[in-house]
């Protein structure tokens, strides 16, 4: 396999996987159960130390797999600071 063929194969595989980082609106389109307001509230109360959340200047970017994995692990189970009764 030539270098050009290998490069094309890697580029094609990356294109099939889609973007690795998404904006908030792209994340909400990809995951209908997630709302922009819910994510903003989560970030306001939990800070930006959540899995899959990255800052690029002022822009927030989300790694969809990491962010959804963090939700599944329970990082968003308690948002408001109140304990469940």
PDB file of N, CA and C in Angstrom:
ATOM      1  N   UNK A   1       0.844  -1.173   0.000  1.00  0.00           N
ATOM      2  CA  UNK A   1       0.000   0.000   0.000  1.00  0.00           C
ATOM      3  C   UNK A   1       0.891   1.239   0.000  1.00  0.00           C
ATOM      4  N   UNK A   2       0.616   2.173  -0.866  1.00  0.00           N
ATOM      5  CA  UNK A   2       1.437   3.374  -0.959  1.00  0.00           C
ATOM      6  C   UNK A   2       1.044   4.366   0.125  1.00  0.00           C
ATOM      7  N   UNK A   3       1.892   5.365   0.327  1.00  0.00           N
ATOM      8  CA  UNK A   3       1.617   6.382   1.342  1.00  0.00           C
ATOM      9  C   UNK A   3       0.345   7.150   1.009  1.00  0.00           C
ATOM     10  N   UNK A   4       0.107   7.418  -0.267  1.00  0.00           N
ATOM     11  CA  UNK A   4      -1.101   8.150  -0.678  1.00  0.00           C
ATOM     12  C   UNK A   4      -2.353   7.324  -0.384  1.00  0.00           C
ATOM     13  N   UNK A   5      -2.292   6.021  -0.613  1.00  0.00           N
ATOM     14  CA  UNK A   5      -3.428   5.144  -0.346  1.00  0.00           C
ATOM     15  C   UNK A   5      -3.696   5.056   1.149  1.00  0.00           C
ATOM     16  N   UNK A   6      -2.634   4.947   1.952  1.00  0.00           N
ATOM     17  CA  UNK A   6      -2.800   4.905   3.406  1.00  0.00           C
ATOM     18  C   UNK A   6      -3.416   6.199   3.906  1.00  0.00           C
ATOM     19  N   UNK A   7      -2.956   7.331   3.398  1.00  0.00           N
ATOM     20  CA  UNK A   7      -3.486   8.623   3.812  1.00  0.00           C
ATOM     21  C   UNK A   7      -4.957   8.736   3.467  1.00  0.00           C
ATOM     22  N   UNK A   8      -5.343   8.281   2.270  1.00  0.00           N
ATOM     23  CA  UNK A   8      -6.740   8.329   1.844  1.00  0.00           C
ATOM     24  C   UNK A   8      -7.602   7.434   2.727  1.00  0.00           C
ATOM     25  N   UNK A   9      -7.090   6.251   3.094  1.00  0.00           N
ATOM     26  CA  UNK A   9      -7.823   5.323   3.946  1.00  0.00           C
ATOM     27  C   UNK A   9      -8.066   5.933   5.319  1.00  0.00           C
ATOM     28  N   UNK A  10      -7.064   6.550   5.903  1.00  0.00           N
ATOM     29  CA  UNK A  10      -7.206   7.174   7.221  1.00  0.00           C
ATOM     30  C   UNK A  10      -8.204   8.325   7.142  1.00  0.00           C
ATOM     31  N   UNK A  11      -8.120   9.148   6.087  1.00  0.00           N
ATOM     32  CA  UNK A  11      -9.033  10.269   5.920  1.00  0.00           C
ATOM     33  C   UNK A  11     -10.465   9.777   5.757  1.00  0.00           C
ATOM     34  N   UNK A  12     -10.677   8.729   4.993  1.00  0.00           N
ATOM     35  CA  UNK A  12     -12.008   8.176   4.781  1.00  0.00           C
ATOM     36  C   UNK A  12     -12.576   7.625   6.074  1.00  0.00           C
ATOM     37  N   UNK A  13     -11.775   6.931   6.867  1.00  0.00           N
ATOM     38  CA  UNK A  13     -12.241   6.394   8.141  1.00  0.00           C
ATOM     39  C   UNK A  13     -12.640   7.517   9.090  1.00  0.00           C
ATOM     40  N   UNK A  14     -11.866   8.590   9.132  1.00  0.00           N
ATOM     41  CA  UNK A  14     -12.185   9.719  10.004  1.00  0.00           C
ATOM     42  C   UNK A  14     -13.475  10.391   9.551  1.00  0.00           C
ATOM     43  N   UNK A  15     -13.703  10.489   8.254  1.00  0.00           N
ATOM     44  CA  UNK A  15     -14.920  11.113   7.735  1.00  0.00           C
ATOM     45  C   UNK A  15     -16.148  10.277   8.068  1.00  0.00           C
ATOM     46  N   UNK A  16     -16.018   8.965   8.063  1.00  0.00           N
ATOM     47  CA  UNK A  16     -17.145   8.093   8.384  1.00  0.00           C
ATOM     48  C   UNK A  16     -17.529   8.169   9.852  1.00  0.00           C
ATOM     49  N   UNK A  17     -16.576   8.465  10.724  1.00  0.00           N
ATOM     50  CA  UNK A  17     -16.865   8.545  12.149  1.00  0.00           C
ATOM     51  C   UNK A  17     -17.544   9.850  12.515  1.00  0.00           C
ATOM     52  N   UNK A  18     -17.445  10.871  11.705  1.00  0.00           N
ATOM     53  CA  UNK A  18     -18.040  12.161  11.990  1.00  0.00           C
ATOM     54  C   UNK A  18     -17.109  12.991  12.857  1.00  0.00           C
ATOM     55  N   UNK A  19     -17.565  14.171  13.231  1.00  0.00           N
ATOM     56  CA  UNK A  19     -16.710  15.057  14.026  1.00  0.00           C
ATOM     57  C   UNK A  19     -16.482  14.488  15.419  1.00  0.00           C
ATOM     58  N   UNK A  20     -15.311  14.759  15.955  1.00  0.00           N
ATOM     59  CA  UNK A  20     -15.018  14.258  17.297  1.00  0.00           C
ATOM     60  C   UNK A  20     -15.469  15.252  18.364  1.00  0.00           C
ATOM     61  N   UNK A  21     -15.511  16.539  18.035  1.00  0.00           N
ATOM     62  CA  UNK A  21     -15.977  17.553  18.973  1.00  0.00           C
ATOM     63  C   UNK A  21     -17.178  18.264  18.385  1.00  0.00           C
ATOM     64  N   UNK A  22     -18.198  18.483  19.211  1.00  0.00           N
ATOM     65  CA  UNK A  22     -19.443  19.093  18.770  1.00  0.00           C
ATOM     66  C   UNK A  22     -19.737  20.349  19.578  1.00  0.00           C
ATOM     67  N   UNK A  23     -20.424  21.299  18.959  1.00  0.00           N
ATOM     68  CA  UNK A  23     -20.935  22.448  19.704  1.00  0.00           C
ATOM     69  C   UNK A  23     -22.164  21.990  20.473  1.00  0.00           C
ATOM     70  N   UNK A  24     -22.681  22.849  21.332  1.00  0.00           N
ATOM     71  CA  UNK A  24     -23.860  22.494  22.125  1.00  0.00           C
ATOM     72  C   UNK A  24     -25.048  22.188  21.222  1.00  0.00           C
ATOM     73  N   UNK A  25     -25.288  23.009  20.207  1.00  0.00           N
ATOM     74  CA  UNK A  25     -26.438  22.764  19.330  1.00  0.00           C
ATOM     75  C   UNK A  25     -26.271  21.459  18.546  1.00  0.00           C
ATOM     76  N   UNK A  26     -25.044  21.159  18.096  1.00  0.00           N
ATOM     77  CA  UNK A  26     -24.805  19.896  17.389  1.00  0.00           C
ATOM     78  C   UNK A  26     -25.013  18.703  18.314  1.00  0.00           C
ATOM     79  N   UNK A  27     -24.582  18.834  19.568  1.00  0.00           N
ATOM     80  CA  UNK A  27     -24.776  17.759  20.546  1.00  0.00           C
ATOM     81  C   UNK A  27     -26.264  17.506  20.779  1.00  0.00           C
ATOM     82  N   UNK A  28     -27.031  18.574  20.915  1.00  0.00           N
ATOM     83  CA  UNK A  28     -28.466  18.425  21.160  1.00  0.00           C
ATOM     84  C   UNK A  28     -29.198  17.851  19.952  1.00  0.00           C
ATOM     85  N   UNK A  29     -28.726  18.132  18.747  1.00  0.00           N
ATOM     86  CA  UNK A  29     -29.312  17.518  17.554  1.00  0.00           C
ATOM     87  C   UNK A  29     -28.984  16.031  17.499  1.00  0.00           C
ATOM     88  N   UNK A  30     -27.783  15.667  17.899  1.00  0.00           N
ATOM     89  CA  UNK A  30     -27.361  14.269  17.861  1.00  0.00           C
ATOM     90  C   UNK A  30     -27.990  13.443  18.981  1.00  0.00           C
ATOM     91  N   UNK A  31     -28.279  14.084  20.102  1.00  0.00           N
ATOM     92  CA  UNK A  31     -28.864  13.409  21.268  1.00  0.00           C
ATOM     93  C   UNK A  31     -30.159  14.121  21.647  1.00  0.00           C
ATOM     94  N   UNK A  32     -31.312  13.699  21.111  1.00  0.00           N
ATOM     95  CA  UNK A  32     -32.574  14.417  21.344  1.00  0.00           C
ATOM     96  C   UNK A  32     -32.995  14.508  22.814  1.00  0.00           C
ATOM     97  N   UNK A  33     -32.523  13.625  23.660  1.00  0.00           N
ATOM     98  CA  UNK A  33     -32.897  13.675  25.075  1.00  0.00           C
ATOM     99  C   UNK A  33     -32.178  14.791  25.823  1.00  0.00           C
ATOM    100  N   UNK A  34     -31.137  15.348  25.239  1.00  0.00           N
ATOM    101  CA  UNK A  34     -30.345  16.410  25.859  1.00  0.00           C
ATOM    102  C   UNK A  34     -30.853  17.752  25.359  1.00  0.00           C
ATOM    103  N   UNK A  35     -31.128  18.683  26.278  1.00  0.00           N
ATOM    104  CA  UNK A  35     -31.581  20.019  25.890  1.00  0.00           C
ATOM    105  C   UNK A  35     -30.480  21.042  26.173  1.00  0.00           C
ATOM    106  N   UNK A  36     -30.434  22.118  25.397  1.00  0.00           N
ATOM    107  CA  UNK A  36     -29.409  23.148  25.638  1.00  0.00           C
ATOM    108  C   UNK A  36     -29.506  23.742  27.048  1.00  0.00           C
ATOM    109  N   UNK A  37     -30.719  23.997  27.503  1.00  0.00           N
ATOM    110  CA  UNK A  37     -30.888  24.559  28.846  1.00  0.00           C
ATOM    111  C   UNK A  37     -30.421  23.612  29.940  1.00  0.00           C
ATOM    112  N   UNK A  38     -30.682  22.334  29.746  1.00  0.00           N
ATOM    113  CA  UNK A  38     -30.244  21.348  30.727  1.00  0.00           C
ATOM    114  C   UNK A  38     -28.733  21.257  30.811  1.00  0.00           C
ATOM    115  N   UNK A  39     -28.080  21.296  29.657  1.00  0.00           N
ATOM    116  CA  UNK A  39     -26.615  21.235  29.638  1.00  0.00           C
ATOM    117  C   UNK A  39     -26.029  22.509  30.250  1.00  0.00           C
ATOM    118  N   UNK A  40     -26.603  23.668  29.915  1.00  0.00           N
ATOM    119  CA  UNK A  40     -26.107  24.927  30.491  1.00  0.00           C
ATOM    120  C   UNK A  40     -26.264  24.934  32.004  1.00  0.00           C
ATOM    121  N   UNK A  41     -27.404  24.429  32.497  1.00  0.00           N
ATOM    122  CA  UNK A  41     -27.611  24.360  33.951  1.00  0.00           C
ATOM    123  C   UNK A  41     -26.604  23.400  34.582  1.00  0.00           C
ATOM    124  N   UNK A  42     -26.366  22.285  33.935  1.00  0.00           N
ATOM    125  CA  UNK A  42     -25.384  21.321  34.427  1.00  0.00           C
ATOM    126  C   UNK A  42     -24.004  21.958  34.512  1.00  0.00           C
ATOM    127  N   UNK A  43     -23.606  22.696  33.477  1.00  0.00           N
ATOM    128  CA  UNK A  43     -22.302  23.357  33.479  1.00  0.00           C
ATOM    129  C   UNK A  43     -22.230  24.449  34.532  1.00  0.00           C
ATOM    130  N   UNK A  44     -23.336  25.179  34.745  1.00  0.00           N
ATOM    131  CA  UNK A  44     -23.355  26.244  35.745  1.00  0.00           C
ATOM    132  C   UNK A  44     -23.202  25.686  37.158  1.00  0.00           C
ATOM    133  N   UNK A  45     -23.864  24.569  37.429  1.00  0.00           N
ATOM    134  CA  UNK A  45     -23.823  24.015  38.782  1.00  0.00           C
ATOM    135  C   UNK A  45     -22.611  23.114  39.020  1.00  0.00           C
ATOM    136  N   UNK A  46     -22.191  22.372  38.019  1.00  0.00           N
ATOM    137  CA  UNK A  46     -21.081  21.431  38.182  1.00  0.00           C
ATOM    138  C   UNK A  46     -19.741  22.002  37.745  1.00  0.00           C
ATOM    139  N   UNK A  47     -19.750  23.095  37.011  1.00  0.00           N
ATOM    140  CA  UNK A  47     -18.501  23.620  36.475  1.00  0.00           C
ATOM    141  C   UNK A  47     -18.144  22.894  35.199  1.00  0.00           C
ATOM    142  N   UNK A  48     -17.005  23.202  34.662  1.00  0.00           N
ATOM    143  CA  UNK A  48     -16.595  22.631  33.383  1.00  0.00           C
ATOM    144  C   UNK A  48     -15.692  21.410  33.568  1.00  0.00           C
ATOM    145  N   UNK A  49     -15.694  20.828  34.751  1.00  0.00           N
ATOM    146  CA  UNK A  49     -14.871  19.651  35.015  1.00  0.00           C
ATOM    147  C   UNK A  49     -15.647  18.364  34.781  1.00  0.00           C
ATOM    148  N   UNK A  50     -16.521  18.387  33.803  1.00  0.00           N
ATOM    149  CA  UNK A  50     -17.282  17.198  33.449  1.00  0.00           C
ATOM    150  C   UNK A  50     -16.562  16.456  32.332  1.00  0.00           C
ATOM    151  N   UNK A  51     -16.711  15.148  32.274  1.00  0.00           N
ATOM    152  CA  UNK A  51     -16.065  14.404  31.193  1.00  0.00           C
ATOM    153  C   UNK A  51     -16.620  14.826  29.836  1.00  0.00           C
ATOM    154  N   UNK A  52     -15.739  15.038  28.882  1.00  0.00           N
ATOM    155  CA  UNK A  52     -16.154  15.341  27.527  1.00  0.00           C
ATOM    156  C   UNK A  52     -16.450  16.796  27.241  1.00  0.00           C
ATOM    157  N   UNK A  53     -16.165  17.706  28.191  1.00  0.00           N
ATOM    158  CA  UNK A  53     -16.411  19.133  27.989  1.00  0.00           C
ATOM    159  C   UNK A  53     -15.065  19.839  27.855  1.00  0.00           C
ATOM    160  N   UNK A  54     -14.907  20.566  26.755  1.00  0.00           N
ATOM    161  CA  UNK A  54     -13.647  21.251  26.476  1.00  0.00           C
ATOM    162  C   UNK A  54     -13.929  22.698  26.096  1.00  0.00           C
ATOM    163  N   UNK A  55     -13.006  23.568  26.458  1.00  0.00           N
ATOM    164  CA  UNK A  55     -13.108  24.971  26.068  1.00  0.00           C
ATOM    165  C   UNK A  55     -12.096  25.246  24.969  1.00  0.00           C
ATOM    166  N   UNK A  56     -12.548  25.982  23.973  1.00  0.00           N
ATOM    167  CA  UNK A  56     -11.684  26.448  22.890  1.00  0.00           C
ATOM    168  C   UNK A  56     -11.932  27.944  22.803  1.00  0.00           C
ATOM    169  N   UNK A  57     -11.140  28.704  23.572  1.00  0.00           N
ATOM    170  CA  UNK A  57     -11.434  30.127  23.722  1.00  0.00           C
ATOM    171  C   UNK A  57     -12.710  30.262  24.535  1.00  0.00           C
ATOM    172  N   UNK A  58     -13.686  30.959  23.989  1.00  0.00           N
ATOM    173  CA  UNK A  58     -14.977  31.092  24.666  1.00  0.00           C
ATOM    174  C   UNK A  58     -15.943  29.983  24.297  1.00  0.00           C
ATOM    175  N   UNK A  59     -15.608  29.231  23.255  1.00  0.00           N
ATOM    176  CA  UNK A  59     -16.512  28.208  22.747  1.00  0.00           C
ATOM    177  C   UNK A  59     -16.420  26.932  23.584  1.00  0.00           C
ATOM    178  N   UNK A  60     -17.566  26.361  23.871  1.00  0.00           N
ATOM    179  CA  UNK A  60     -17.631  25.061  24.540  1.00  0.00           C
ATOM    180  C   UNK A  60     -17.772  23.980  23.492  1.00  0.00           C
ATOM    181  N   UNK A  61     -16.953  22.967  23.606  1.00  0.00           N
ATOM    182  CA  UNK A  61     -17.018  21.835  22.698  1.00  0.00           C
ATOM    183  C   UNK A  61     -17.220  20.564  23.513  1.00  0.00           C
ATOM    184  N   UNK A  62     -17.935  19.634  22.939  1.00  0.00           N
ATOM    185  CA  UNK A  62     -18.283  18.402  23.634  1.00  0.00           C
ATOM    186  C   UNK A  62     -17.821  17.200  22.836  1.00  0.00           C
ATOM    187  N   UNK A  63     -17.167  16.267  23.510  1.00  0.00           N
ATOM    188  CA  UNK A  63     -16.879  14.965  22.935  1.00  0.00           C
ATOM    189  C   UNK A  63     -18.106  14.117  23.265  1.00  0.00           C
ATOM    190  N   UNK A  64     -18.885  13.807  22.256  1.00  0.00           N
ATOM    191  CA  UNK A  64     -20.184  13.163  22.464  1.00  0.00           C
ATOM    192  C   UNK A  64     -20.069  11.863  23.256  1.00  0.00           C
ATOM    193  N   UNK A  65     -19.135  10.996  22.875  1.00  0.00           N
ATOM    194  CA  UNK A  65     -19.012   9.706  23.557  1.00  0.00           C
ATOM    195  C   UNK A  65     -18.595   9.877  25.013  1.00  0.00           C
ATOM    196  N   UNK A  66     -17.628  10.772  25.258  1.00  0.00           N
ATOM    197  CA  UNK A  66     -17.167  11.012  26.631  1.00  0.00           C
ATOM    198  C   UNK A  66     -18.267  11.634  27.481  1.00  0.00           C
ATOM    199  N   UNK A  67     -18.958  12.633  26.922  1.00  0.00           N
ATOM    200  CA  UNK A  67     -20.001  13.341  27.669  1.00  0.00           C
ATOM    201  C   UNK A  67     -21.154  12.393  28.019  1.00  0.00           C
ATOM    202  N   UNK A  68     -21.615  11.621  27.045  1.00  0.00           N
ATOM    203  CA  UNK A  68     -22.707  10.684  27.305  1.00  0.00           C
ATOM    204  C   UNK A  68     -22.257   9.577  28.263  1.00  0.00           C
ATOM    205  N   UNK A  69     -20.996   9.168  28.155  1.00  0.00           N
ATOM    206  CA  UNK A  69     -20.461   8.188  29.105  1.00  0.00           C
ATOM    207  C   UNK A  69     -20.452   8.733  30.520  1.00  0.00           C
ATOM    208  N   UNK A  70     -20.111  10.011  30.684  1.00  0.00           N
ATOM    209  CA  UNK A  70     -20.135  10.654  31.997  1.00  0.00           C
ATOM    210  C   UNK A  70     -21.536  10.705  32.576  1.00  0.00           C
ATOM    211  N   UNK A  71     -22.520  10.971  31.733  1.00  0.00           N
ATOM    212  CA  UNK A  71     -23.911  10.971  32.191  1.00  0.00           C
ATOM    213  C   UNK A  71     -24.299   9.565  32.636  1.00  0.00           C
ATOM    214  N   UNK A  72     -23.918   8.558  31.852  1.00  0.00           N
ATOM    215  CA  UNK A  72     -24.241   7.169  32.196  1.00  0.00           C
ATOM    216  C   UNK A  72     -23.552   6.730  33.490  1.00  0.00           C
ATOM    217  N   UNK A  73     -22.372   7.305  33.778  1.00  0.00           N
ATOM    218  CA  UNK A  73     -21.655   6.968  35.009  1.00  0.00           C
ATOM    219  C   UNK A  73     -22.212   7.697  36.222  1.00  0.00           C
ATOM    220  N   UNK A  74     -23.136   8.629  36.016  1.00  0.00           N
ATOM    221  CA  UNK A  74     -23.773   9.305  37.138  1.00  0.00           C
ATOM    222  C   UNK A  74     -23.239  10.679  37.453  1.00  0.00           C
ATOM    223  N   UNK A  75     -22.416  11.269  36.580  1.00  0.00           N
ATOM    224  CA  UNK A  75     -21.872  12.598  36.843  1.00  0.00           C
ATOM    225  C   UNK A  75     -22.957  13.678  36.841  1.00  0.00           C
ATOM    226  N   UNK A  76     -24.099  13.396  36.247  1.00  0.00           N
ATOM    227  CA  UNK A  76     -25.186  14.369  36.187  1.00  0.00           C
ATOM    228  C   UNK A  76     -26.391  13.920  37.001  1.00  0.00           C
ATOM    229  N   UNK A  77     -26.216  12.949  37.876  1.00  0.00           N
ATOM    230  CA  UNK A  77     -27.337  12.414  38.638  1.00  0.00           C
ATOM    231  C   UNK A  77     -27.884  13.422  39.640  1.00  0.00           C
ATOM    232  N   UNK A  78     -27.012  14.243  40.190  1.00  0.00           N
ATOM    233  CA  UNK A  78     -27.438  15.250  41.152  1.00  0.00           C
ATOM    234  C   UNK A  78     -26.919  16.589  40.656  1.00  0.00           C
ATOM    235  N   UNK A  79     -27.827  17.436  40.185  1.00  0.00           N
ATOM    236  CA  UNK A  79     -27.424  18.698  39.588  1.00  0.00           C
ATOM    237  C   UNK A  79     -27.644  19.871  40.529  1.00  0.00           C
ATOM    238  N   UNK A  80     -28.790  19.931  41.177  1.00  0.00           N
ATOM    239  CA  UNK A  80     -29.193  21.136  41.912  1.00  0.00           C
ATOM    240  C   UNK A  80     -28.480  21.325  43.242  1.00  0.00           C
ATOM    241  N   UNK A  81     -27.832  20.319  43.743  1.00  0.00           N
ATOM    242  CA  UNK A  81     -27.176  20.429  45.050  1.00  0.00           C
ATOM    243  C   UNK A  81     -28.045  19.912  46.171  1.00  0.00           C
ATOM    244  N   UNK A  82     -29.333  19.678  45.863  1.00  0.00           N
ATOM    245  CA  UNK A  82     -30.233  19.114  46.874  1.00  0.00           C
ATOM    246  C   UNK A  82     -30.118  17.595  46.876  1.00  0.00           C
ATOM    247  N   UNK A  83     -30.351  16.998  48.005  1.00  0.00           N
ATOM    248  CA  UNK A  83     -30.312  15.544  48.092  1.00  0.00           C
ATOM    249  C   UNK A  83     -31.700  14.974  47.827  1.00  0.00           C
ATOM    250  N   UNK A  84     -31.762  13.815  47.225  1.00  0.00           N
ATOM    251  CA  UNK A  84     -33.031  13.158  46.943  1.00  0.00           C
ATOM    252  C   UNK A  84     -33.665  12.667  48.231  1.00  0.00           C
ATOM    253  N   UNK A  85     -34.981  12.740  48.285  1.00  0.00           N
ATOM    254  CA  UNK A  85     -35.708  12.305  49.495  1.00  0.00           C
ATOM    255  C   UNK A  85     -36.488  11.061  49.238  1.00  0.00           C
TER     256      UNK A  85
END
